[in-house]
């Protein structure tokens, strides 16, 4: 009974996260806003389903499912990297360097700045 409640909890919570992430992907206006919906909420939604599947196999079937654990780890590692690549591509294609705010750092925006020159290279 407790195992069923725990599995159901993870499925319901992951369904809510998946719904919110999908709704955000549809309703948000531009690419930079849309990047956050699938990489945050939908990733948690899919991760919750995979955790519920792991709990099902562990608590109900009595065997540990290593595949779901690997899929969850792969998803949690690759979603932020993919979002970063999409954001950098969007900046490179749609914005100019003069339109970007000042970073206040030594390197500026990595997409537009030349690599810093070393004084000993000359």
N, C-alpha and C. Protein backbone atom coordinates (compact mmCIF):
# COMPACT_ATOMS: atom_id res chain seq x y z
N UNK A 1 0.82 -1.20 0.00
CA UNK A 1 0.00 0.00 0.00
C UNK A 1 0.86 1.27 0.00
N UNK A 2 1.89 1.30 0.82
CA UNK A 2 2.77 2.48 0.88
C UNK A 2 3.55 2.60 -0.43
N UNK A 3 3.95 1.48 -0.99
CA UNK A 3 4.68 1.51 -2.26
C UNK A 3 3.80 2.09 -3.37
N UNK A 4 2.54 1.69 -3.39
CA UNK A 4 1.62 2.22 -4.41
C UNK A 4 1.42 3.72 -4.25
N UNK A 5 1.29 4.19 -3.02
CA UNK A 5 1.12 5.63 -2.77
C UNK A 5 2.36 6.40 -3.19
N UNK A 6 3.54 5.87 -2.88
CA UNK A 6 4.79 6.54 -3.25
C UNK A 6 4.95 6.61 -4.77
N UNK A 7 4.66 5.52 -5.45
CA UNK A 7 4.76 5.49 -6.91
C UNK A 7 3.74 6.44 -7.53
N UNK A 8 2.52 6.43 -6.99
CA UNK A 8 1.48 7.33 -7.50
C UNK A 8 1.85 8.79 -7.27
N UNK A 9 2.44 9.09 -6.12
CA UNK A 9 2.88 10.46 -5.84
C UNK A 9 3.88 10.93 -6.89
N UNK A 10 4.89 10.11 -7.18
CA UNK A 10 5.89 10.50 -8.18
C UNK A 10 5.27 10.66 -9.56
N UNK A 11 4.33 9.81 -9.91
CA UNK A 11 3.68 9.93 -11.22
C UNK A 11 2.83 11.20 -11.33
N UNK A 12 2.10 11.54 -10.26
CA UNK A 12 1.26 12.75 -10.29
C UNK A 12 2.13 14.00 -10.32
N UNK A 13 3.15 14.05 -9.48
CA UNK A 13 4.04 15.22 -9.47
C UNK A 13 4.75 15.37 -10.80
N UNK A 14 5.22 14.28 -11.38
CA UNK A 14 5.89 14.37 -12.67
C UNK A 14 4.91 14.77 -13.77
N UNK A 15 3.67 14.33 -13.68
CA UNK A 15 2.67 14.77 -14.65
C UNK A 15 2.41 16.26 -14.57
N UNK A 16 2.38 16.81 -13.36
CA UNK A 16 2.19 18.26 -13.19
C UNK A 16 3.38 19.01 -13.78
N UNK A 17 4.59 18.55 -13.48
CA UNK A 17 5.77 19.20 -14.04
C UNK A 17 5.78 19.11 -15.57
N UNK A 18 5.43 17.97 -16.12
CA UNK A 18 5.37 17.83 -17.57
C UNK A 18 4.34 18.74 -18.20
N UNK A 19 3.18 18.87 -17.54
CA UNK A 19 2.13 19.76 -18.05
C UNK A 19 2.56 21.22 -18.00
N UNK A 20 3.17 21.63 -16.90
CA UNK A 20 3.64 23.01 -16.78
C UNK A 20 4.75 23.30 -17.81
N UNK A 21 5.66 22.36 -17.99
CA UNK A 21 6.72 22.55 -18.97
C UNK A 21 6.20 22.62 -20.39
N UNK A 22 5.24 21.79 -20.72
CA UNK A 22 4.65 21.82 -22.06
C UNK A 22 3.85 23.09 -22.29
N UNK A 23 3.11 23.51 -21.27
CA UNK A 23 2.34 24.75 -21.37
C UNK A 23 3.27 25.95 -21.55
N UNK A 24 4.38 25.95 -20.81
CA UNK A 24 5.36 27.03 -20.95
C UNK A 24 6.00 27.05 -22.32
N UNK A 25 6.24 25.90 -22.89
CA UNK A 25 6.83 25.83 -24.21
C UNK A 25 5.90 26.41 -25.26
N UNK A 26 4.60 26.22 -25.07
CA UNK A 26 3.63 26.73 -26.04
C UNK A 26 3.35 28.21 -25.83
N UNK A 27 3.22 28.65 -24.60
CA UNK A 27 2.73 30.00 -24.32
C UNK A 27 3.81 31.09 -24.23
N UNK A 28 5.04 30.74 -23.95
CA UNK A 28 6.06 31.78 -23.82
C UNK A 28 6.40 32.35 -25.20
N UNK A 29 6.84 33.62 -25.20
CA UNK A 29 6.91 34.37 -26.45
C UNK A 29 8.12 34.09 -27.33
N UNK A 30 9.31 34.14 -26.78
CA UNK A 30 10.48 34.01 -27.65
C UNK A 30 11.35 32.83 -27.23
N UNK A 31 12.38 32.59 -28.00
CA UNK A 31 13.21 31.41 -27.81
C UNK A 31 13.91 31.40 -26.47
N UNK A 32 14.39 32.54 -26.04
CA UNK A 32 15.11 32.59 -24.76
C UNK A 32 14.19 32.27 -23.59
N UNK A 33 12.92 32.61 -23.69
CA UNK A 33 11.98 32.23 -22.64
C UNK A 33 11.57 30.77 -22.78
N UNK A 34 11.41 30.31 -23.99
CA UNK A 34 10.98 28.92 -24.22
C UNK A 34 12.03 27.90 -23.85
N UNK A 35 13.28 28.30 -23.79
CA UNK A 35 14.35 27.37 -23.43
C UNK A 35 14.16 26.86 -22.00
N UNK A 36 13.63 27.69 -21.12
CA UNK A 36 13.54 27.31 -19.72
C UNK A 36 12.47 26.27 -19.44
N UNK A 37 11.37 26.31 -20.17
CA UNK A 37 10.26 25.39 -19.88
C UNK A 37 10.65 23.92 -20.06
N UNK A 38 11.20 23.51 -21.21
CA UNK A 38 11.53 22.09 -21.33
C UNK A 38 12.76 21.67 -20.54
N UNK A 39 13.68 22.60 -20.31
CA UNK A 39 14.89 22.19 -19.60
C UNK A 39 14.70 22.13 -18.10
N UNK A 40 13.72 22.82 -17.59
CA UNK A 40 13.50 22.78 -16.14
C UNK A 40 12.34 21.85 -15.80
N UNK A 41 11.13 22.28 -16.15
CA UNK A 41 9.94 21.56 -15.70
C UNK A 41 9.78 20.21 -16.38
N UNK A 42 9.96 20.15 -17.67
CA UNK A 42 9.74 18.89 -18.37
C UNK A 42 10.82 17.87 -18.01
N UNK A 43 12.04 18.32 -17.77
CA UNK A 43 13.09 17.42 -17.32
C UNK A 43 12.73 16.80 -15.98
N UNK A 44 12.20 17.61 -15.07
CA UNK A 44 11.76 17.08 -13.79
C UNK A 44 10.58 16.12 -13.97
N UNK A 45 9.70 16.43 -14.93
CA UNK A 45 8.58 15.53 -15.19
C UNK A 45 9.01 14.17 -15.68
N UNK A 46 9.89 14.14 -16.64
CA UNK A 46 10.39 12.86 -17.16
C UNK A 46 11.22 12.14 -16.09
N UNK A 47 12.00 12.90 -15.33
CA UNK A 47 12.77 12.30 -14.24
C UNK A 47 11.87 11.67 -13.19
N UNK A 48 10.74 12.32 -12.89
CA UNK A 48 9.81 11.75 -11.92
C UNK A 48 9.18 10.45 -12.40
N UNK A 49 8.86 10.37 -13.68
CA UNK A 49 8.32 9.13 -14.23
C UNK A 49 9.37 8.02 -14.16
N UNK A 50 10.61 8.35 -14.45
CA UNK A 50 11.67 7.35 -14.38
C UNK A 50 11.92 6.90 -12.94
N UNK A 51 11.84 7.83 -11.98
CA UNK A 51 12.00 7.46 -10.58
C UNK A 51 10.83 6.57 -10.14
N UNK A 52 9.61 6.91 -10.58
CA UNK A 52 8.46 6.06 -10.27
C UNK A 52 8.65 4.67 -10.86
N UNK A 53 9.19 4.57 -12.05
CA UNK A 53 9.45 3.27 -12.66
C UNK A 53 10.50 2.49 -11.87
N UNK A 54 11.56 3.18 -11.42
CA UNK A 54 12.56 2.51 -10.60
C UNK A 54 11.96 2.00 -9.31
N UNK A 55 11.11 2.82 -8.66
CA UNK A 55 10.46 2.39 -7.42
C UNK A 55 9.52 1.21 -7.66
N UNK A 56 8.82 1.22 -8.79
CA UNK A 56 7.92 0.11 -9.11
C UNK A 56 8.70 -1.21 -9.21
N UNK A 57 9.77 -1.17 -9.98
CA UNK A 57 10.55 -2.40 -10.15
C UNK A 57 11.22 -2.83 -8.85
N UNK A 58 11.64 -1.87 -8.03
CA UNK A 58 12.31 -2.21 -6.78
C UNK A 58 11.33 -2.70 -5.72
N UNK A 59 10.21 -1.98 -5.53
CA UNK A 59 9.29 -2.31 -4.45
C UNK A 59 8.24 -3.36 -4.81
N UNK A 60 7.79 -3.38 -6.05
CA UNK A 60 6.73 -4.31 -6.45
C UNK A 60 7.31 -5.59 -7.06
N UNK A 61 8.18 -5.43 -8.01
CA UNK A 61 8.75 -6.59 -8.72
C UNK A 61 9.94 -7.22 -7.99
N UNK A 62 10.60 -6.44 -7.12
CA UNK A 62 11.71 -6.98 -6.35
C UNK A 62 13.05 -7.00 -7.06
N UNK A 63 13.18 -6.25 -8.15
CA UNK A 63 14.47 -6.18 -8.85
C UNK A 63 14.81 -4.71 -9.11
N UNK A 64 16.09 -4.42 -9.08
CA UNK A 64 16.55 -3.06 -9.32
C UNK A 64 16.71 -2.83 -10.82
N UNK A 65 16.12 -1.76 -11.32
CA UNK A 65 16.22 -1.44 -12.74
C UNK A 65 17.29 -0.37 -12.94
N UNK A 66 18.42 -0.80 -13.45
CA UNK A 66 19.55 0.10 -13.64
C UNK A 66 19.36 1.00 -14.85
N UNK A 67 18.55 0.58 -15.82
CA UNK A 67 18.34 1.36 -17.04
C UNK A 67 17.71 2.71 -16.75
N UNK A 68 16.68 2.73 -15.91
CA UNK A 68 16.01 3.98 -15.58
C UNK A 68 16.94 4.95 -14.86
N UNK A 69 17.80 4.43 -14.02
CA UNK A 69 18.77 5.28 -13.32
C UNK A 69 19.72 5.94 -14.31
N UNK A 70 20.21 5.16 -15.28
CA UNK A 70 21.11 5.72 -16.28
C UNK A 70 20.41 6.75 -17.17
N UNK A 71 19.17 6.48 -17.53
CA UNK A 71 18.42 7.43 -18.35
C UNK A 71 18.20 8.73 -17.58
N UNK A 72 17.85 8.63 -16.29
CA UNK A 72 17.63 9.82 -15.46
C UNK A 72 18.91 10.64 -15.35
N UNK A 73 20.02 9.99 -15.08
CA UNK A 73 21.29 10.72 -14.98
C UNK A 73 21.67 11.37 -16.31
N UNK A 74 21.48 10.65 -17.40
CA UNK A 74 21.79 11.20 -18.72
C UNK A 74 20.92 12.42 -19.01
N UNK A 75 19.64 12.33 -18.68
CA UNK A 75 18.72 13.44 -18.92
C UNK A 75 19.09 14.66 -18.07
N UNK A 76 19.40 14.45 -16.80
CA UNK A 76 19.74 15.57 -15.93
C UNK A 76 21.08 16.20 -16.29
N UNK A 77 21.95 15.45 -16.95
CA UNK A 77 23.23 16.01 -17.37
C UNK A 77 23.15 16.72 -18.72
N UNK A 78 22.36 16.20 -19.64
CA UNK A 78 22.36 16.76 -20.99
C UNK A 78 21.38 17.92 -21.19
N UNK A 79 20.30 17.99 -20.43
CA UNK A 79 19.32 19.07 -20.63
C UNK A 79 19.90 20.46 -20.39
N UNK A 80 20.66 20.71 -19.32
CA UNK A 80 21.24 22.05 -19.16
C UNK A 80 22.27 22.40 -20.23
N UNK A 81 23.03 21.42 -20.67
CA UNK A 81 24.03 21.67 -21.72
C UNK A 81 23.34 22.02 -23.03
N UNK A 82 22.28 21.32 -23.34
CA UNK A 82 21.51 21.61 -24.55
C UNK A 82 20.90 23.00 -24.49
N UNK A 83 20.35 23.37 -23.34
CA UNK A 83 19.78 24.72 -23.18
C UNK A 83 20.85 25.79 -23.35
N UNK A 84 22.04 25.53 -22.85
CA UNK A 84 23.14 26.49 -23.02
C UNK A 84 23.50 26.64 -24.50
N UNK A 85 23.57 25.56 -25.24
CA UNK A 85 23.88 25.63 -26.67
C UNK A 85 22.80 26.37 -27.44
N UNK A 86 21.53 26.11 -27.10
CA UNK A 86 20.43 26.81 -27.78
C UNK A 86 20.50 28.30 -27.49
N UNK A 87 20.76 28.68 -26.23
CA UNK A 87 20.85 30.10 -25.87
C UNK A 87 22.01 30.79 -26.58
N UNK A 88 23.16 30.14 -26.63
CA UNK A 88 24.32 30.74 -27.31
C UNK A 88 24.08 30.88 -28.81
N UNK A 89 23.44 29.91 -29.41
CA UNK A 89 23.12 29.99 -30.83
C UNK A 89 22.13 31.12 -31.09
N UNK A 90 21.15 31.26 -30.23
CA UNK A 90 20.18 32.34 -30.38
C UNK A 90 20.88 33.70 -30.28
N UNK A 91 21.76 33.84 -29.32
CA UNK A 91 22.50 35.10 -29.18
C UNK A 91 23.36 35.36 -30.41
N UNK A 92 24.03 34.35 -30.91
CA UNK A 92 24.91 34.53 -32.06
C UNK A 92 24.15 34.89 -33.32
N UNK A 93 22.95 34.36 -33.49
CA UNK A 93 22.20 34.57 -34.72
C UNK A 93 21.37 35.84 -34.67
N UNK A 94 20.74 36.13 -33.54
CA UNK A 94 19.74 37.18 -33.49
C UNK A 94 20.19 38.49 -32.86
N UNK A 95 21.28 38.50 -32.16
CA UNK A 95 21.72 39.72 -31.51
C UNK A 95 23.09 40.13 -32.01
N UNK A 96 23.36 41.38 -31.91
CA UNK A 96 24.69 41.88 -32.24
C UNK A 96 25.41 42.21 -30.94
N UNK A 97 26.70 42.29 -31.00
CA UNK A 97 27.49 42.54 -29.80
C UNK A 97 27.14 43.89 -29.18
N UNK A 98 26.81 44.88 -29.99
CA UNK A 98 26.48 46.19 -29.43
C UNK A 98 25.14 46.20 -28.73
N UNK A 99 24.28 45.22 -29.00
CA UNK A 99 22.98 45.15 -28.36
C UNK A 99 23.02 44.46 -27.00
N UNK A 100 24.12 43.81 -26.68
CA UNK A 100 24.22 43.08 -25.43
C UNK A 100 24.63 44.00 -24.29
N UNK A 101 24.14 43.77 -23.09
CA UNK A 101 24.56 44.59 -21.95
C UNK A 101 26.00 44.28 -21.58
N UNK A 102 26.62 45.22 -20.89
CA UNK A 102 27.99 45.02 -20.42
C UNK A 102 28.02 43.92 -19.37
N UNK A 103 29.04 43.08 -19.43
CA UNK A 103 29.14 42.00 -18.45
C UNK A 103 29.91 42.41 -17.22
N UNK A 104 30.77 43.40 -17.34
CA UNK A 104 31.57 43.83 -16.21
C UNK A 104 32.77 42.93 -15.94
N UNK A 105 32.91 41.89 -16.72
CA UNK A 105 34.02 40.96 -16.53
C UNK A 105 35.13 41.20 -17.53
N UNK A 106 36.20 40.49 -17.36
CA UNK A 106 37.37 40.63 -18.23
C UNK A 106 37.11 40.06 -19.62
N UNK A 107 36.29 39.01 -19.72
CA UNK A 107 36.12 38.30 -20.98
C UNK A 107 34.90 38.72 -21.77
N UNK A 108 33.93 39.41 -21.16
CA UNK A 108 32.74 39.83 -21.89
C UNK A 108 31.88 38.65 -22.28
N UNK A 109 31.20 38.78 -23.41
CA UNK A 109 30.35 37.70 -23.91
C UNK A 109 31.20 36.74 -24.71
N UNK A 110 31.23 35.49 -24.33
CA UNK A 110 32.10 34.50 -24.95
C UNK A 110 31.74 34.26 -26.41
N UNK A 111 30.52 34.58 -26.80
CA UNK A 111 30.09 34.34 -28.16
C UNK A 111 30.71 35.35 -29.12
N UNK A 112 30.98 36.57 -28.66
CA UNK A 112 31.38 37.64 -29.56
C UNK A 112 32.83 38.10 -29.39
N UNK A 113 33.38 37.97 -28.21
CA UNK A 113 34.69 38.54 -27.95
C UNK A 113 35.79 37.66 -28.52
N UNK A 114 36.84 38.32 -28.95
CA UNK A 114 38.03 37.59 -29.34
C UNK A 114 38.69 37.04 -28.08
N UNK A 115 39.44 35.98 -28.21
CA UNK A 115 40.12 35.49 -27.02
C UNK A 115 41.13 36.53 -26.53
N UNK A 116 41.29 36.63 -25.22
CA UNK A 116 42.24 37.63 -24.72
C UNK A 116 43.64 37.34 -25.22
N UNK A 117 44.34 38.40 -25.60
CA UNK A 117 45.71 38.22 -26.08
C UNK A 117 46.66 38.17 -24.91
N UNK A 118 47.62 37.29 -25.00
CA UNK A 118 48.62 37.17 -23.95
C UNK A 118 49.73 38.14 -24.21
N UNK A 119 50.18 38.86 -23.18
CA UNK A 119 51.26 39.84 -23.40
C UNK A 119 52.58 39.18 -23.83
N UNK A 120 52.82 37.96 -23.43
CA UNK A 120 54.07 37.32 -23.79
C UNK A 120 54.04 36.67 -25.17
N UNK A 121 52.90 36.75 -25.87
CA UNK A 121 52.77 36.12 -27.18
C UNK A 121 53.41 36.94 -28.29
N UNK A 122 53.72 38.16 -28.02
CA UNK A 122 54.29 39.03 -29.08
C UNK A 122 55.74 38.88 -29.25
